[in-house]
Amino acid sequence: MSRFIQIHTLTSYPASLLNRDDVGFAKRIPFGGATRTRISSQCLKRHWRVFDGAHSLSGLAPMSVRSRLTFEQMIHKPLVAEGVDPALARAVTEAIVSEALGKSEKKKAKDDTEATKPKAKGKKGVEAASDDAGGELDAASKGAVQTAQVTVLGRPEMEYFLSHARAVCEGKPDAGKAADAVRARLKDAKKNIDAIRLSAGLDAALFGRMVTSDILSRGDAALHVAHALTVHAEASESDYFSAVDDLLREGDDAQLGSGHIGTSELTSGLFYGYVVVDVPLLVSNLEGCERKDVGSADRALAAKVVEELVHLVATVSPGAKLGSTAPHACAQCVLVEHGDTQPRTLANAFLRPVAERPDVLGNTYRALNEHLRDLDAMYEKTTARVHAAIDSAKVLDSAVLGEKFALSAVARWAGAAVRGT
């Protein structure tokens, strides 16, 4: 079993606006003395995670639930629908939030400080909640049970909490004593949840999660994703557009002109993307075993995840301005490596911006060839490689990038590296 799988891609996008900043312009980054167009790793991961189609991750195992309303939708509402008194259902749900998510160190320090001050009278629960991350509820919420920030929780975890919430409610405790009843029910929760395979969901195993709870397990990300950036200097255009008002053009008092005029930035470019899979950590996260024991663990699911990931990275595009730019593109080149040495990006192949004329793709391939050849000469070749590519004849050197296959074969090759076959 290889320790790391590295996936490198080159993907060309025509007129598009793949990932916007807070004022609506394309995200950018200076690199090698030139400003490049950028796609954030958060944007890329989001689209891979929620993709619904061939090779989707959700087809392999249950996914996590990412929301501030998870406890409202998956505990409070089901309890009320089953006939539990709404006040009791809410009290029990809020108690489970507190027990399940715990308090951050910041919140604990704040509570210790507040404990030394005179206590003000007020309602428990939402109105008295902090805005700090952790198990605290959103103080601005007067209706639904909302956490202050988005939580990443698995459906098996939520089903476990719901079963205990039902048991507490069956005892019909006073709403004011719900917290004590919940605390007693969840005393062995951590041990029980840890025994549930993939309790936090598949995407938590891949992308990790931060929790401050004594019950839920924190998870490190087994998938490391770089921000994609253009191999050349940014290329953008201000797109002037108008919207026609059909009714103003009808009747005796018809008017010429538009109902709206505006501008929007469009960009184009050839983007380099980079993904690393920490294979032992992925197996550990998926199978619930210690990292030192992954050699004897079942690696079938981890291998399948990596295979599907190769397809997703190569074919799933960010979806901003989907209706007006159709930003759908497949990678021009996918290079996959596996080995045990420290991963390293190949973005520095494009530290000097690639010349766009006469052939930006051919120039990019040459830069990739030369950089990888130089790395091998300096550090020696430490990884096995294969690639899939378009329009690469007489440009990409298979002696450097490894054999050329169809993408499906490249994906299977990566999966075999995880299985150790």
Protein backbone atom coordinates (compact mmCIF):
# COMPACT_ATOMS: atom_id res chain seq x y z
CA MET A 1 0.00 0.00 0.00
CA SER A 2 1.36 3.40 -0.98
CA ARG A 3 1.29 6.15 1.61
CA PHE A 4 0.28 8.98 -0.72
CA ILE A 5 -1.71 9.30 -3.94
CA GLN A 6 -1.09 12.57 -5.81
CA ILE A 7 -3.45 13.80 -8.54
CA HIS A 8 -2.38 16.61 -10.87
CA THR A 9 -4.75 18.11 -13.45
CA LEU A 10 -4.70 20.67 -16.24
CA THR A 11 -8.16 21.92 -17.16
CA SER A 12 -9.08 24.62 -19.67
CA TYR A 13 -12.16 26.82 -19.15
CA PRO A 14 -13.41 29.32 -21.74
CA ALA A 15 -15.58 32.35 -20.87
CA SER A 16 -16.65 31.68 -17.26
CA LEU A 17 -16.61 33.00 -13.71
CA LEU A 18 -15.81 29.87 -11.76
CA ASN A 19 -15.30 31.22 -8.24
CA ARG A 20 -16.15 34.75 -7.08
CA ASP A 21 -14.89 36.92 -4.25
CA ASP A 22 -17.01 39.09 -1.94
CA VAL A 23 -17.57 41.78 -4.58
CA GLY A 24 -18.35 39.46 -7.48
CA PHE A 25 -14.98 39.36 -9.24
CA ALA A 26 -13.00 36.22 -10.02
CA LYS A 27 -10.72 35.09 -7.22
CA ARG A 28 -7.05 35.82 -7.90
CA ILE A 29 -3.59 35.14 -6.47
CA PRO A 30 -0.15 36.60 -7.29
CA PHE A 31 2.28 33.84 -8.25
CA GLY A 32 5.64 34.03 -9.97
CA GLY A 33 5.40 37.78 -10.43
CA ALA A 34 2.06 37.60 -12.26
CA THR A 35 -1.55 37.66 -11.07
CA ARG A 36 -3.34 34.37 -11.74
CA THR A 37 -7.03 33.48 -11.75
CA ARG A 38 -7.81 31.11 -8.88
CA ILE A 39 -10.41 28.54 -7.80
CA SER A 40 -10.50 28.01 -4.04
CA SER A 41 -10.12 24.55 -2.56
CA GLN A 42 -13.41 25.04 -0.68
CA CYS A 43 -15.19 25.57 -3.99
CA LEU A 44 -13.64 22.49 -5.56
CA LYS A 45 -14.34 20.23 -2.58
CA ARG A 46 -17.94 21.40 -2.36
CA HIS A 47 -18.66 20.42 -5.97
CA TRP A 48 -16.94 17.04 -5.66
CA ARG A 49 -18.80 16.35 -2.43
CA VAL A 50 -22.31 17.12 -3.66
CA PHE A 51 -21.96 15.84 -7.23
CA ASP A 52 -24.85 13.54 -8.09
CA GLY A 53 -24.11 11.26 -11.00
CA ALA A 54 -21.65 8.65 -12.18
CA HIS A 55 -18.76 8.29 -9.71
CA SER A 56 -20.50 10.32 -6.98
CA LEU A 57 -19.17 9.82 -3.47
CA SER A 58 -22.68 9.54 -2.06
CA GLY A 59 -23.10 6.27 -3.90
CA LEU A 60 -20.36 4.66 -1.80
CA ALA A 61 -21.45 5.38 1.79
CA PRO A 62 -23.67 7.76 3.81
CA MET A 63 -22.52 11.36 3.64
CA SER A 64 -22.30 13.86 6.48
CA VAL A 65 -24.95 16.48 7.18
CA ARG A 66 -23.55 20.03 7.07
CA SER A 67 -25.96 22.53 8.55
CA ARG A 68 -26.83 24.77 11.48
CA LEU A 69 -30.28 23.12 11.51
CA THR A 70 -29.20 19.48 11.84
CA PHE A 71 -30.56 19.00 15.37
CA GLU A 72 -33.79 20.82 14.47
CA GLN A 73 -34.44 18.68 11.41
CA MET A 74 -33.20 15.33 12.68
CA ILE A 75 -34.17 15.37 16.37
CA HIS A 76 -36.62 18.15 17.33
CA LYS A 77 -39.01 17.81 14.38
CA PRO A 78 -39.19 14.00 14.49
CA LEU A 79 -39.96 14.13 18.22
CA VAL A 80 -42.78 16.65 17.73
CA ALA A 81 -44.13 14.62 14.78
CA GLU A 82 -44.28 11.58 17.07
CA GLY A 83 -46.45 13.45 19.56
CA VAL A 84 -43.88 14.69 22.09
CA ASP A 85 -44.81 17.94 23.79
CA PRO A 86 -42.99 20.70 21.81
CA ALA A 87 -41.55 22.27 24.97
CA LEU A 88 -40.11 18.95 26.14
CA ALA A 89 -38.86 18.11 22.62
CA ARG A 90 -37.06 21.44 22.46
CA ALA A 91 -35.53 21.10 25.91
CA VAL A 92 -34.27 17.59 25.15
CA THR A 93 -32.90 18.66 21.76
CA GLU A 94 -31.07 21.62 23.25
CA ALA A 95 -29.61 19.38 25.96
CA ILE A 96 -28.35 16.94 23.32
CA VAL A 97 -26.73 19.84 21.41
CA SER A 98 -24.90 20.86 24.57
CA GLU A 99 -23.77 17.32 25.40
CA ALA A 100 -22.94 16.27 21.85
CA LEU A 101 -20.96 19.29 20.71
CA GLY A 102 -19.42 20.39 23.99
CA LYS A 103 -17.68 23.70 24.53
CA SER A 104 -14.62 25.15 22.87
CA GLU A 105 -11.66 26.26 25.01
CA LYS A 106 -12.68 29.85 24.29
CA LYS A 107 -16.19 29.19 25.57
CA LYS A 108 -14.92 27.34 28.64
CA ALA A 109 -12.65 30.26 29.53
CA LYS A 110 -15.53 32.67 29.03
CA ASP A 111 -17.82 30.60 31.24
CA ASP A 112 -15.18 30.46 33.97
CA THR A 113 -14.99 34.24 33.85
CA GLU A 114 -18.76 34.63 33.86
CA ALA A 115 -19.05 32.28 36.83
CA THR A 116 -17.26 34.80 39.02
CA LYS A 117 -19.72 37.59 38.09
CA PRO A 118 -23.19 38.14 39.54
CA LYS A 119 -25.63 36.03 37.55
CA ALA A 120 -28.35 37.83 35.60
CA LYS A 121 -31.79 36.34 35.43
CA GLY A 122 -32.88 35.04 32.04
CA LYS A 123 -34.23 32.11 30.14
CA LYS A 124 -32.20 29.03 29.50
CA GLY A 125 -31.44 27.74 26.04
CA VAL A 126 -31.47 29.85 22.93
CA GLU A 127 -31.83 33.29 24.54
CA ALA A 128 -28.89 32.65 26.88
CA ALA A 129 -26.67 31.04 24.25
CA SER A 130 -23.27 32.25 23.12
CA ASP A 131 -22.16 32.99 19.57
CA ASP A 132 -19.04 30.89 20.07
CA ALA A 133 -18.49 27.69 18.09
CA GLY A 134 -19.14 24.37 19.77
CA GLY A 135 -22.31 23.15 21.41
CA GLU A 136 -23.76 26.62 21.88
CA LEU A 137 -27.01 27.52 20.19
CA ASP A 138 -27.53 30.59 18.07
CA ALA A 139 -28.69 33.42 20.32
CA ALA A 140 -30.47 35.10 17.39
CA SER A 141 -32.73 32.11 16.79
CA LYS A 142 -36.17 32.33 18.42
CA GLY A 143 -37.76 29.45 16.55
CA ALA A 144 -35.74 26.54 15.21
CA VAL A 145 -32.94 24.96 17.21
CA GLN A 146 -29.87 26.33 15.40
CA THR A 147 -26.20 26.00 16.25
CA ALA A 148 -24.05 29.11 16.03
CA GLN A 149 -22.03 27.61 13.16
CA VAL A 150 -22.44 24.88 10.57
CA THR A 151 -21.79 21.48 12.09
CA VAL A 152 -20.53 18.35 10.32
CA LEU A 153 -22.41 15.35 11.68
CA GLY A 154 -23.05 11.86 10.39
CA ARG A 155 -26.49 10.37 9.93
CA PRO A 156 -25.56 7.36 12.12
CA GLU A 157 -24.58 9.80 14.87
CA MET A 158 -27.87 11.66 14.56
CA GLU A 159 -29.87 8.42 14.58
CA TYR A 160 -28.04 7.46 17.77
CA PHE A 161 -28.88 10.79 19.42
CA LEU A 162 -32.50 10.57 18.26
CA SER A 163 -32.89 7.13 19.86
CA HIS A 164 -31.73 8.54 23.19
CA ALA A 165 -33.93 11.61 22.79
CA ARG A 166 -36.94 9.34 22.33
CA ALA A 167 -36.01 7.35 25.42
CA VAL A 168 -35.70 10.51 27.50
CA CYS A 169 -39.04 11.83 26.26
CA GLU A 170 -40.77 8.53 27.03
CA GLY A 171 -39.90 9.13 30.68
CA LYS A 172 -41.82 12.44 30.46
CA PRO A 173 -39.41 14.45 32.61
CA ASP A 174 -40.06 18.07 33.42
CA ALA A 175 -38.60 20.24 30.65
CA GLY A 176 -36.39 21.94 33.20
CA LYS A 177 -34.82 18.60 34.14
CA ALA A 178 -34.25 17.43 30.56
CA ALA A 179 -30.55 18.26 30.65
CA ASP A 180 -29.93 15.92 33.61
CA ALA A 181 -31.86 13.11 31.92
CA VAL A 182 -29.95 13.55 28.66
CA ARG A 183 -26.61 13.67 30.47
CA ALA A 184 -27.39 10.39 32.21
CA ARG A 185 -28.43 8.73 28.94
CA LEU A 186 -25.27 9.82 27.09
CA LYS A 187 -22.67 8.80 29.69
CA ASP A 188 -21.39 5.99 27.44
CA ALA A 189 -22.08 7.80 24.17
CA LYS A 190 -18.49 8.19 22.98
CA LYS A 191 -17.73 4.47 23.27
CA ASN A 192 -20.97 3.57 21.50
CA ILE A 193 -20.56 6.10 18.66
CA ASP A 194 -16.95 5.10 18.08
CA ALA A 195 -18.19 1.56 17.52
CA ILE A 196 -20.42 2.70 14.65
CA ARG A 197 -18.54 2.41 11.34
CA LEU A 198 -18.43 5.68 9.41
CA SER A 199 -20.47 7.33 12.13
CA ALA A 200 -19.45 10.84 10.97
CA GLY A 201 -20.12 10.19 7.28
CA LEU A 202 -17.92 9.62 4.24
CA ASP A 203 -17.11 13.25 3.51
CA ALA A 204 -16.00 13.82 7.13
CA ALA A 205 -13.58 10.93 6.63
CA LEU A 206 -12.28 12.65 3.51
CA PHE A 207 -12.38 16.33 4.45
CA GLY A 208 -12.12 16.10 8.24
CA ARG A 209 -14.05 17.93 10.92
CA MET A 210 -13.28 20.05 13.97
CA VAL A 211 -15.28 19.41 17.15
CA THR A 212 -14.79 20.42 20.78
CA SER A 213 -16.87 17.56 22.11
CA ASP A 214 -15.95 14.84 24.58
CA ILE A 215 -18.43 12.58 22.76
CA LEU A 216 -17.78 13.13 19.05
CA SER A 217 -14.42 12.42 17.47
CA ARG A 218 -12.39 15.07 15.74
CA GLY A 219 -11.17 13.94 12.33
CA ASP A 220 -8.15 15.07 10.32
CA ALA A 221 -8.63 15.49 6.59
CA ALA A 222 -7.29 12.59 4.54
CA LEU A 223 -7.72 14.67 1.37
CA HIS A 224 -5.52 17.72 0.83
CA VAL A 225 -6.69 20.07 -1.92
CA ALA A 226 -4.74 23.01 -3.33
CA HIS A 227 -6.30 26.13 -4.80
CA ALA A 228 -6.29 25.72 -8.58
CA LEU A 229 -4.63 28.55 -10.50
CA THR A 230 -3.96 29.46 -14.12
CA VAL A 231 -0.59 28.47 -15.54
CA HIS A 232 -0.46 31.85 -17.29
CA ALA A 233 -1.28 35.41 -16.26
CA GLU A 234 -4.94 36.20 -15.68
CA ALA A 235 -7.17 36.75 -18.69
CA SER A 236 -10.43 38.58 -18.01
CA GLU A 237 -13.09 40.61 -19.78
CA SER A 238 -15.88 42.87 -18.53
CA ASP A 239 -19.07 41.45 -20.02
CA TYR A 240 -21.72 44.10 -20.78
CA PHE A 241 -25.23 42.68 -20.81
CA SER A 242 -28.82 43.88 -20.93
CA ALA A 243 -32.20 42.39 -20.09
CA VAL A 244 -35.09 43.19 -22.42
CA ASP A 245 -38.45 44.16 -20.90
CA ASP A 246 -40.94 42.45 -23.21
CA LEU A 247 -44.02 44.38 -22.04
CA LEU A 248 -42.42 47.78 -22.61
CA ARG A 249 -42.06 46.86 -26.28
CA GLU A 250 -45.75 46.10 -26.77
CA GLY A 251 -48.76 48.32 -27.46
CA ASP A 252 -49.17 51.86 -28.78
CA ASP A 253 -46.76 53.36 -26.24
CA ALA A 254 -43.98 50.86 -27.01
CA GLN A 255 -40.53 51.94 -25.80
CA LEU A 256 -37.13 50.97 -27.00
CA GLY A 257 -34.33 50.13 -24.61
CA SER A 258 -33.83 47.53 -21.93
CA GLY A 259 -35.25 46.76 -18.52
CA HIS A 260 -31.79 46.33 -17.01
CA ILE A 261 -28.17 46.97 -17.97
CA GLY A 262 -25.16 45.58 -16.11
CA THR A 263 -21.65 44.20 -16.32
CA SER A 264 -20.06 41.01 -15.07
CA GLU A 265 -16.48 39.80 -15.17
CA LEU A 266 -15.67 36.74 -17.29
CA THR A 267 -12.36 34.90 -17.29
CA SER A 268 -10.73 32.13 -19.27
CA GLY A 269 -7.68 30.04 -18.55
CA LEU A 270 -5.82 26.77 -18.26
CA PHE A 271 -5.83 25.79 -14.58
CA TYR A 272 -3.41 23.55 -12.70
CA GLY A 273 -5.04 21.54 -9.89
CA TYR A 274 -3.42 19.41 -7.20
CA VAL A 275 -4.87 16.86 -4.75
CA VAL A 276 -3.13 14.59 -2.24
CA VAL A 277 -4.70 11.55 -0.56
CA ASP A 278 -3.13 10.42 2.72
CA VAL A 279 -3.93 6.74 2.23
CA PRO A 280 -3.28 5.39 5.76
CA LEU A 281 -5.33 8.21 7.26
CA LEU A 282 -8.15 7.61 4.77
CA VAL A 283 -8.25 3.90 5.64
CA SER A 284 -8.13 4.74 9.35
CA ASN A 285 -10.98 7.24 9.03
CA LEU A 286 -13.14 4.90 6.97
CA GLU A 287 -12.57 1.70 8.92
CA GLY A 288 -12.31 3.15 12.44
CA CYS A 289 -8.92 1.57 13.09
CA GLU A 290 -5.66 2.99 14.36
CA ARG A 291 -3.28 4.29 11.72
CA LYS A 292 -0.69 1.69 12.70
CA ASP A 293 -3.22 -1.08 11.95
CA VAL A 294 -4.24 -0.05 8.43
CA GLY A 295 -2.03 -2.68 6.84
CA SER A 296 -4.35 -5.40 8.06
CA ALA A 297 -7.58 -3.39 7.62
CA ASP A 298 -10.09 -3.78 4.81
CA ARG A 299 -9.01 -1.27 2.14
CA ALA A 300 -11.72 -1.97 -0.45
CA LEU A 301 -13.80 1.13 0.34
CA ALA A 302 -10.73 3.39 0.48
CA ALA A 303 -9.61 2.10 -2.93
CA LYS A 304 -13.04 2.71 -4.42
CA VAL A 305 -13.12 6.23 -2.97
CA VAL A 306 -9.78 7.01 -4.61
CA GLU A 307 -10.95 5.61 -7.95
CA GLU A 308 -14.09 7.74 -7.91
CA LEU A 309 -12.08 10.75 -6.78
CA VAL A 310 -9.83 10.53 -9.85
CA HIS A 311 -12.94 10.74 -12.04
CA LEU A 312 -14.47 13.60 -10.02
CA VAL A 313 -11.31 15.72 -10.03
CA ALA A 314 -11.02 15.29 -13.79
CA THR A 315 -14.63 15.86 -14.79
CA VAL A 316 -16.60 17.90 -12.23
CA SER A 317 -16.47 21.68 -12.74
CA PRO A 318 -17.32 24.55 -10.38
CA GLY A 319 -20.83 25.80 -11.13
CA ALA A 320 -20.83 29.60 -10.74
CA LYS A 321 -22.87 31.37 -13.46
CA LEU A 322 -23.98 27.94 -14.60
CA GLY A 323 -26.94 29.14 -16.65
CA SER A 324 -25.11 31.90 -18.50
CA THR A 325 -21.67 30.38 -19.12
CA ALA A 326 -22.13 26.56 -18.99
CA PRO A 327 -18.71 26.10 -17.34
CA HIS A 328 -18.48 22.36 -17.97
CA ALA A 329 -15.04 21.05 -18.89
CA CYS A 330 -12.99 17.89 -18.52
CA ALA A 331 -9.30 17.94 -17.72
CA GLN A 332 -6.86 18.08 -20.62
CA CYS A 333 -4.34 16.11 -18.59
CA VAL A 334 -4.49 13.96 -15.44
CA LEU A 335 -1.21 12.80 -13.90
CA VAL A 336 -1.43 10.40 -10.94
CA GLU A 337 1.47 9.36 -8.72
CA HIS A 338 1.80 7.04 -5.77
CA GLY A 339 4.65 6.49 -3.34
CA ASP A 340 5.81 6.89 0.24
CA THR A 341 7.83 10.11 0.08
CA GLN A 342 6.68 13.61 1.01
CA PRO A 343 4.18 14.89 -1.59
CA ARG A 344 5.12 17.94 -3.64
CA THR A 345 3.11 20.18 -5.93
CA LEU A 346 4.05 20.67 -9.56
CA ALA A 347 2.71 24.24 -9.58
CA ASN A 348 6.29 25.49 -9.72
CA ALA A 349 6.47 24.17 -13.28
CA PHE A 350 4.46 27.33 -14.01
CA LEU A 351 6.28 29.71 -11.67
CA ARG A 352 7.27 31.52 -14.83
CA PRO A 353 3.91 32.23 -16.53
CA VAL A 354 3.44 29.99 -19.55
CA ALA A 355 3.41 31.79 -22.90
CA GLU A 356 -0.08 31.67 -24.39
CA ARG A 357 1.11 31.79 -28.00
CA PRO A 358 1.32 29.96 -30.26
CA ASP A 359 -0.01 27.02 -28.21
CA VAL A 360 -0.74 27.45 -24.50
CA LEU A 361 -1.45 23.76 -23.94
CA GLY A 362 1.69 22.61 -25.76
CA ASN A 363 3.78 25.17 -23.85
CA THR A 364 2.25 23.97 -20.59
CA TYR A 365 3.01 20.35 -21.38
CA ARG A 366 6.63 21.26 -22.13
CA ALA A 367 6.94 23.19 -18.87
CA LEU A 368 5.51 20.20 -16.96
CA ASN A 369 7.91 17.81 -18.69
CA GLU A 370 10.94 19.94 -17.93
CA HIS A 371 10.05 20.61 -14.32
CA LEU A 372 9.33 16.98 -13.50
CA ARG A 373 12.51 15.88 -15.27
CA ASP A 374 14.50 18.42 -13.22
CA LEU A 375 12.88 17.22 -9.98
CA ASP A 376 13.80 13.63 -10.78
CA ALA A 377 17.37 14.65 -11.57
CA MET A 378 17.73 16.55 -8.28
CA TYR A 379 15.80 14.30 -5.87
CA GLU A 380 15.65 11.08 -7.89
CA LYS A 381 12.40 9.54 -8.97
CA THR A 382 10.50 8.40 -5.87
CA THR A 383 6.98 7.82 -7.21
CA ALA A 384 5.29 5.58 -9.73
CA ARG A 385 3.31 7.54 -12.35
CA VAL A 386 0.73 7.17 -15.08
CA HIS A 387 -1.23 9.79 -16.99
CA ALA A 388 -4.15 10.44 -19.29
CA ALA A 389 -4.03 13.37 -21.69
CA ILE A 390 -5.54 15.04 -24.73
CA ASP A 391 -3.49 16.43 -27.63
CA SER A 392 -0.25 15.21 -26.07
CA ALA A 393 1.42 13.42 -29.00
CA LYS A 394 5.13 14.25 -29.29
CA VAL A 395 4.82 16.70 -26.34
CA LEU A 396 4.42 14.77 -23.09
CA ASP A 397 7.30 12.41 -22.37
CA SER A 398 6.08 9.03 -21.11
CA ALA A 399 9.55 8.35 -19.75
CA VAL A 400 8.88 11.18 -17.29
CA LEU A 401 5.09 11.10 -16.77
CA GLY A 402 4.65 7.35 -16.97
CA GLU A 403 2.50 5.32 -19.32
CA LYS A 404 -0.51 6.92 -20.98
CA PHE A 405 -3.92 5.32 -20.42
CA ALA A 406 -7.59 6.17 -20.58
CA LEU A 407 -8.86 7.92 -17.45
CA SER A 408 -10.73 4.82 -16.24
CA ALA A 409 -7.49 2.82 -16.34
CA VAL A 410 -5.66 5.58 -14.45
CA ALA A 411 -8.37 5.47 -11.77
CA ARG A 412 -8.07 1.69 -11.44
CA TRP A 413 -4.30 2.00 -11.20
CA ALA A 414 -4.71 4.45 -8.29
CA GLY A 415 -7.17 2.11 -6.59
CA ALA A 416 -4.73 -0.78 -6.90
CA ALA A 417 -2.08 1.32 -5.15
CA VAL A 418 -4.44 1.63 -2.17
CA ARG A 419 -5.25 -2.09 -2.14
CA GLY A 420 -1.58 -2.94 -2.45
CA THR A 421 -2.19 -5.13 -5.47
